Amino acid sequence: MTRRAKRAQSPCVDVCRLDPRTGWCLGCGRTAAEIGAWAKLTPFRRKRLERELARRLVKLGSHSPLEDE
């Protein structure tokens, strides 16, 4: 029997634009470095980052990134 590795579900929602003030993606809340490292994160680190992303998205919603342009 072969073991299949579970692929990490990405938080990406296809809104790939970084906020110029914070560096966070407006869709998922990750930084460019976090997006690049996502596939290599351990399940523990991925879960911890997912909790942080929820906080970031709330903060992003409280300010309009277009105001900075």
PDB file of N, CA and C in Angstrom:
ATOM      1  N   MET A   1       0.854  -1.171   0.000  1.00  0.00           N
ATOM      2  CA  MET A   1       0.000   0.000   0.000  1.00  0.00           C
ATOM      3  C   MET A   1       0.909   1.248   0.000  1.00  0.00           C
ATOM      4  N   THR A   2       0.575   2.185  -0.850  1.00  0.00           N
ATOM      5  CA  THR A   2       1.358   3.427  -0.923  1.00  0.00           C
ATOM      6  C   THR A   2       0.759   4.495  -0.028  1.00  0.00           C
ATOM      7  N   ARG A   3       1.640   5.244   0.572  1.00  0.00           N
ATOM      8  CA  ARG A   3       1.188   6.372   1.407  1.00  0.00           C
ATOM      9  C   ARG A   3       1.185   7.611   0.537  1.00  0.00           C
ATOM     10  N   ARG A   4       0.109   8.316   0.567  1.00  0.00           N
ATOM     11  CA  ARG A   4       0.015   9.569  -0.174  1.00  0.00           C
ATOM     12  C   ARG A   4       0.205  10.724   0.796  1.00  0.00           C
ATOM     13  N   ALA A   5       1.082  11.616   0.435  1.00  0.00           N
ATOM     14  CA  ALA A   5       1.305  12.800   1.267  1.00  0.00           C
ATOM     15  C   ALA A   5       0.159  13.772   1.039  1.00  0.00           C
ATOM     16  N   LYS A   6      -0.384  14.266   2.118  1.00  0.00           N
ATOM     17  CA  LYS A   6      -1.434  15.277   2.003  1.00  0.00           C
ATOM     18  C   LYS A   6      -0.801  16.587   1.583  1.00  0.00           C
ATOM     19  N   ARG A   7      -1.367  17.188   0.585  1.00  0.00           N
ATOM     20  CA  ARG A   7      -0.873  18.490   0.124  1.00  0.00           C
ATOM     21  C   ARG A   7      -1.437  19.583   1.020  1.00  0.00           C
ATOM     22  N   ALA A   8      -0.587  20.500   1.410  1.00  0.00           N
ATOM     23  CA  ALA A   8      -1.011  21.595   2.283  1.00  0.00           C
ATOM     24  C   ALA A   8      -1.992  22.502   1.545  1.00  0.00           C
ATOM     25  N   GLN A   9      -3.158  22.673   2.097  1.00  0.00           N
ATOM     26  CA  GLN A   9      -4.160  23.552   1.513  1.00  0.00           C
ATOM     27  C   GLN A   9      -3.703  24.994   1.689  1.00  0.00           C
ATOM     28  N   SER A  10      -3.534  25.678   0.589  1.00  0.00           N
ATOM     29  CA  SER A  10      -3.066  27.059   0.630  1.00  0.00           C
ATOM     30  C   SER A  10      -4.207  28.000   0.988  1.00  0.00           C
ATOM     31  N   PRO A  11      -3.912  29.064   1.745  1.00  0.00           N
ATOM     32  CA  PRO A  11      -4.945  30.053   2.064  1.00  0.00           C
ATOM     33  C   PRO A  11      -5.184  31.039   0.917  1.00  0.00           C
ATOM     34  N   CYS A  12      -4.500  30.856  -0.203  1.00  0.00           N
ATOM     35  CA  CYS A  12      -4.621  31.766  -1.345  1.00  0.00           C
ATOM     36  C   CYS A  12      -6.061  31.806  -1.852  1.00  0.00           C
ATOM     37  N   VAL A  13      -6.537  33.029  -2.126  1.00  0.00           N
ATOM     38  CA  VAL A  13      -7.898  33.211  -2.669  1.00  0.00           C
ATOM     39  C   VAL A  13      -7.846  33.928  -4.020  1.00  0.00           C
ATOM     40  N   ASP A  14      -6.688  33.860  -4.685  1.00  0.00           N
ATOM     41  CA  ASP A  14      -6.480  34.453  -6.009  1.00  0.00           C
ATOM     42  C   ASP A  14      -6.683  35.958  -6.057  1.00  0.00           C
ATOM     43  N   VAL A  15      -6.357  36.639  -4.971  1.00  0.00           N
ATOM     44  CA  VAL A  15      -6.320  38.099  -4.942  1.00  0.00           C
ATOM     45  C   VAL A  15      -4.880  38.438  -4.561  1.00  0.00           C
ATOM     46  N   CYS A  16      -3.995  38.327  -5.525  1.00  0.00           N
ATOM     47  CA  CYS A  16      -2.565  38.416  -5.249  1.00  0.00           C
ATOM     48  C   CYS A  16      -2.054  39.840  -5.458  1.00  0.00           C
ATOM     49  N   ARG A  17      -2.211  40.635  -4.416  1.00  0.00           N
ATOM     50  CA  ARG A  17      -1.745  42.020  -4.440  1.00  0.00           C
ATOM     51  C   ARG A  17      -1.277  42.371  -3.033  1.00  0.00           C
ATOM     52  N   LEU A  18      -0.046  42.852  -2.932  1.00  0.00           N
ATOM     53  CA  LEU A  18       0.508  43.162  -1.621  1.00  0.00           C
ATOM     54  C   LEU A  18       0.171  44.584  -1.207  1.00  0.00           C
ATOM     55  N   ASP A  19      -0.209  44.721   0.044  1.00  0.00           N
ATOM     56  CA  ASP A  19      -0.465  46.033   0.625  1.00  0.00           C
ATOM     57  C   ASP A  19       0.879  46.746   0.729  1.00  0.00           C
ATOM     58  N   PRO A  20       1.004  47.958   0.185  1.00  0.00           N
ATOM     59  CA  PRO A  20       2.301  48.640   0.215  1.00  0.00           C
ATOM     60  C   PRO A  20       2.761  49.041   1.619  1.00  0.00           C
ATOM     61  N   ARG A  21       1.840  49.215   2.524  1.00  0.00           N
ATOM     62  CA  ARG A  21       2.197  49.627   3.882  1.00  0.00           C
ATOM     63  C   ARG A  21       2.666  48.455   4.740  1.00  0.00           C
ATOM     64  N   THR A  22       1.942  47.342   4.673  1.00  0.00           N
ATOM     65  CA  THR A  22       2.250  46.206   5.552  1.00  0.00           C
ATOM     66  C   THR A  22       3.062  45.115   4.869  1.00  0.00           C
ATOM     67  N   GLY A  23       2.956  45.007   3.546  1.00  0.00           N
ATOM     68  CA  GLY A  23       3.606  43.915   2.828  1.00  0.00           C
ATOM     69  C   GLY A  23       2.777  42.644   2.833  1.00  0.00           C
ATOM     70  N   TRP A  24       1.554  42.724   3.365  1.00  0.00           N
ATOM     71  CA  TRP A  24       0.676  41.552   3.417  1.00  0.00           C
ATOM     72  C   TRP A  24      -0.175  41.473   2.157  1.00  0.00           C
ATOM     73  N   CYS A  25      -0.447  40.254   1.703  1.00  0.00           N
ATOM     74  CA  CYS A  25      -1.326  40.046   0.555  1.00  0.00           C
ATOM     75  C   CYS A  25      -2.740  40.464   0.943  1.00  0.00           C
ATOM     76  N   LEU A  26      -3.399  41.199   0.059  1.00  0.00           N
ATOM     77  CA  LEU A  26      -4.763  41.659   0.352  1.00  0.00           C
ATOM     78  C   LEU A  26      -5.770  40.508   0.341  1.00  0.00           C
ATOM     79  N   GLY A  27      -5.428  39.400  -0.280  1.00  0.00           N
ATOM     80  CA  GLY A  27      -6.340  38.259  -0.331  1.00  0.00           C
ATOM     81  C   GLY A  27      -6.185  37.303   0.835  1.00  0.00           C
ATOM     82  N   CYS A  28      -4.943  36.913   1.127  1.00  0.00           N
ATOM     83  CA  CYS A  28      -4.740  35.885   2.155  1.00  0.00           C
ATOM     84  C   CYS A  28      -4.020  36.397   3.402  1.00  0.00           C
ATOM     85  N   GLY A  29      -3.375  37.558   3.314  1.00  0.00           N
ATOM     86  CA  GLY A  29      -2.702  38.115   4.478  1.00  0.00           C
ATOM     87  C   GLY A  29      -1.249  37.719   4.639  1.00  0.00           C
ATOM     88  N   ARG A  30      -0.743  36.846   3.760  1.00  0.00           N
ATOM     89  CA  ARG A  30       0.649  36.409   3.890  1.00  0.00           C
ATOM     90  C   ARG A  30       1.608  37.411   3.251  1.00  0.00           C
ATOM     91  N   THR A  31       2.848  37.384   3.710  1.00  0.00           N
ATOM     92  CA  THR A  31       3.904  38.172   3.078  1.00  0.00           C
ATOM     93  C   THR A  31       4.430  37.371   1.891  1.00  0.00           C
ATOM     94  N   ALA A  32       5.216  38.019   1.029  1.00  0.00           N
ATOM     95  CA  ALA A  32       5.804  37.317  -0.115  1.00  0.00           C
ATOM     96  C   ALA A  32       6.670  36.145   0.354  1.00  0.00           C
ATOM     97  N   ALA A  33       7.425  36.344   1.418  1.00  0.00           N
ATOM     98  CA  ALA A  33       8.280  35.269   1.954  1.00  0.00           C
ATOM     99  C   ALA A  33       7.440  34.102   2.474  1.00  0.00           C
ATOM    100  N   GLU A  34       6.336  34.402   3.148  1.00  0.00           N
ATOM    101  CA  GLU A  34       5.460  33.343   3.676  1.00  0.00           C
ATOM    102  C   GLU A  34       4.785  32.578   2.541  1.00  0.00           C
ATOM    103  N   ILE A  35       4.431  33.280   1.471  1.00  0.00           N
ATOM    104  CA  ILE A  35       3.828  32.616   0.313  1.00  0.00           C
ATOM    105  C   ILE A  35       4.833  31.634  -0.280  1.00  0.00           C
ATOM    106  N   GLY A  36       6.086  32.080  -0.431  1.00  0.00           N
ATOM    107  CA  GLY A  36       7.126  31.224  -0.988  1.00  0.00           C
ATOM    108  C   GLY A  36       7.463  30.028  -0.122  1.00  0.00           C
ATOM    109  N   ALA A  37       7.359  30.187   1.181  1.00  0.00           N
ATOM    110  CA  ALA A  37       7.740  29.119   2.117  1.00  0.00           C
ATOM    111  C   ALA A  37       6.580  28.185   2.469  1.00  0.00           C
ATOM    112  N   TRP A  38       5.365  28.506   2.068  1.00  0.00           N
ATOM    113  CA  TRP A  38       4.170  27.786   2.505  1.00  0.00           C
ATOM    114  C   TRP A  38       4.294  26.262   2.366  1.00  0.00           C
ATOM    115  N   ALA A  39       4.713  25.780   1.210  1.00  0.00           N
ATOM    116  CA  ALA A  39       4.760  24.332   0.964  1.00  0.00           C
ATOM    117  C   ALA A  39       5.752  23.616   1.876  1.00  0.00           C
ATOM    118  N   LYS A  40       6.742  24.332   2.376  1.00  0.00           N
ATOM    119  CA  LYS A  40       7.775  23.702   3.212  1.00  0.00           C
ATOM    120  C   LYS A  40       7.504  23.819   4.708  1.00  0.00           C
ATOM    121  N   LEU A  41       6.470  24.552   5.090  1.00  0.00           N
ATOM    122  CA  LEU A  41       6.167  24.712   6.517  1.00  0.00           C
ATOM    123  C   LEU A  41       5.657  23.411   7.114  1.00  0.00           C
ATOM    124  N   THR A  42       5.981  23.194   8.371  1.00  0.00           N
ATOM    125  CA  THR A  42       5.437  22.034   9.075  1.00  0.00           C
ATOM    126  C   THR A  42       3.955  22.303   9.357  1.00  0.00           C
ATOM    127  N   PRO A  43       3.163  21.265   9.587  1.00  0.00           N
ATOM    128  CA  PRO A  43       1.748  21.480   9.900  1.00  0.00           C
ATOM    129  C   PRO A  43       1.554  22.416  11.105  1.00  0.00           C
ATOM    130  N   PHE A  44       2.424  22.314  12.110  1.00  0.00           N
ATOM    131  CA  PHE A  44       2.322  23.181  13.281  1.00  0.00           C
ATOM    132  C   PHE A  44       2.513  24.646  12.891  1.00  0.00           C
ATOM    133  N   ARG A  45       3.563  24.932  12.136  1.00  0.00           N
ATOM    134  CA  ARG A  45       3.842  26.317  11.721  1.00  0.00           C
ATOM    135  C   ARG A  45       2.761  26.842  10.776  1.00  0.00           C
ATOM    136  N   ARG A  46       2.257  25.973   9.927  1.00  0.00           N
ATOM    137  CA  ARG A  46       1.192  26.377   9.009  1.00  0.00           C
ATOM    138  C   ARG A  46      -0.060  26.786   9.785  1.00  0.00           C
ATOM    139  N   LYS A  47      -0.417  26.004  10.783  1.00  0.00           N
ATOM    140  CA  LYS A  47      -1.602  26.293  11.602  1.00  0.00           C
ATOM    141  C   LYS A  47      -1.414  27.590  12.374  1.00  0.00           C
ATOM    142  N   ARG A  48      -0.223  27.780  12.918  1.00  0.00           N
ATOM    143  CA  ARG A  48       0.066  29.008  13.660  1.00  0.00           C
ATOM    144  C   ARG A  48      -0.035  30.230  12.741  1.00  0.00           C
ATOM    145  N   LEU A  49       0.490  30.104  11.525  1.00  0.00           N
ATOM    146  CA  LEU A  49       0.412  31.205  10.565  1.00  0.00           C
ATOM    147  C   LEU A  49      -1.037  31.460  10.153  1.00  0.00           C
ATOM    148  N   GLU A  50      -1.824  30.432   9.977  1.00  0.00           N
ATOM    149  CA  GLU A  50      -3.235  30.604   9.616  1.00  0.00           C
ATOM    150  C   GLU A  50      -3.982  31.423  10.665  1.00  0.00           C
ATOM    151  N   ARG A  51      -3.689  31.192  11.932  1.00  0.00           N
ATOM    152  CA  ARG A  51      -4.329  31.991  12.990  1.00  0.00           C
ATOM    153  C   ARG A  51      -3.901  33.457  12.894  1.00  0.00           C
ATOM    154  N   GLU A  52      -2.642  33.693  12.603  1.00  0.00           N
ATOM    155  CA  GLU A  52      -2.139  35.056  12.450  1.00  0.00           C
ATOM    156  C   GLU A  52      -2.765  35.737  11.228  1.00  0.00           C
ATOM    157  N   LEU A  53      -2.969  34.979  10.161  1.00  0.00           N
ATOM    158  CA  LEU A  53      -3.549  35.549   8.938  1.00  0.00           C
ATOM    159  C   LEU A  53      -4.940  36.118   9.202  1.00  0.00           C
ATOM    160  N   ALA A  54      -5.709  35.450  10.021  1.00  0.00           N
ATOM    161  CA  ALA A  54      -7.051  35.944  10.350  1.00  0.00           C
ATOM    162  C   ALA A  54      -6.956  37.319  11.004  1.00  0.00           C
ATOM    163  N   ARG A  55      -5.995  37.505  11.899  1.00  0.00           N
ATOM    164  CA  ARG A  55      -5.804  38.814  12.553  1.00  0.00           C
ATOM    165  C   ARG A  55      -5.357  39.873  11.542  1.00  0.00           C
ATOM    166  N   ARG A  56      -4.458  39.479  10.658  1.00  0.00           N
ATOM    167  CA  ARG A  56      -3.959  40.423   9.662  1.00  0.00           C
ATOM    168  C   ARG A  56      -5.079  40.892   8.732  1.00  0.00           C
ATOM    169  N   LEU A  57      -5.914  39.967   8.295  1.00  0.00           N
ATOM    170  CA  LEU A  57      -6.985  40.337   7.378  1.00  0.00           C
ATOM    171  C   LEU A  57      -7.966  41.306   8.021  1.00  0.00           C
ATOM    172  N   VAL A  58      -8.196  41.149   9.320  1.00  0.00           N
ATOM    173  CA  VAL A  58      -9.049  42.101  10.039  1.00  0.00           C
ATOM    174  C   VAL A  58      -8.394  43.481  10.016  1.00  0.00           C
ATOM    175  N   LYS A  59      -7.092  43.538  10.280  1.00  0.00           N
ATOM    176  CA  LYS A  59      -6.374  44.812  10.259  1.00  0.00           C
ATOM    177  C   LYS A  59      -6.382  45.427   8.861  1.00  0.00           C
ATOM    178  N   LEU A  60      -6.205  44.603   7.841  1.00  0.00           N
ATOM    179  CA  LEU A  60      -6.229  45.115   6.472  1.00  0.00           C
ATOM    180  C   LEU A  60      -7.592  45.705   6.121  1.00  0.00           C
ATOM    181  N   GLY A  61      -8.635  45.121   6.656  1.00  0.00           N
ATOM    182  CA  GLY A  61      -9.982  45.611   6.386  1.00  0.00           C
ATOM    183  C   GLY A  61     -10.258  46.953   7.016  1.00  0.00           C
ATOM    184  N   SER A  62      -9.476  47.313   8.021  1.00  0.00           N
ATOM    185  CA  SER A  62      -9.717  48.571   8.710  1.00  0.00           C
ATOM    186  C   SER A  62      -9.047  49.760   8.028  1.00  0.00           C
ATOM    187  N   HIS A  63      -8.221  49.498   7.010  1.00  0.00           N
ATOM    188  CA  HIS A  63      -7.639  50.607   6.258  1.00  0.00           C
ATOM    189  C   HIS A  63      -7.647  50.252   4.769  1.00  0.00           C
ATOM    190  N   SER A  64      -7.909  51.202   3.952  1.00  0.00           N
ATOM    191  CA  SER A  64      -7.978  50.985   2.510  1.00  0.00           C
ATOM    192  C   SER A  64      -6.581  51.101   1.908  1.00  0.00           C
ATOM    193  N   PRO A  65      -6.051  50.031   1.273  1.00  0.00           N
ATOM    194  CA  PRO A  65      -4.726  50.092   0.702  1.00  0.00           C
ATOM    195  C   PRO A  65      -4.635  51.078  -0.456  1.00  0.00           C
ATOM    196  N   LEU A  66      -5.741  51.406  -1.074  1.00  0.00           N
ATOM    197  CA  LEU A  66      -5.739  52.344  -2.188  1.00  0.00           C
ATOM    198  C   LEU A  66      -5.456  53.766  -1.726  1.00  0.00           C
ATOM    199  N   GLU A  67      -5.649  54.042  -0.446  1.00  0.00           N
ATOM    200  CA  GLU A  67      -5.354  55.372   0.095  1.00  0.00           C
ATOM    201  C   GLU A  67      -3.867  55.672   0.009  1.00  0.00           C
ATOM    202  N   ASP A  68      -3.032  54.616   0.010  1.00  0.00           N
ATOM    203  CA  ASP A  68      -1.590  54.800   0.001  1.00  0.00           C
ATOM    204  C   ASP A  68      -1.028  55.054  -1.403  1.00  0.00           C
ATOM    205  N   GLU A  69      -1.819  54.828  -2.429  1.00  0.00           N
ATOM    206  CA  GLU A  69      -1.328  54.974  -3.811  1.00  0.00           C
ATOM    207  C   GLU A  69      -1.450  56.380  -4.306  1.00  0.00           C
TER     208      GLU A  69
END
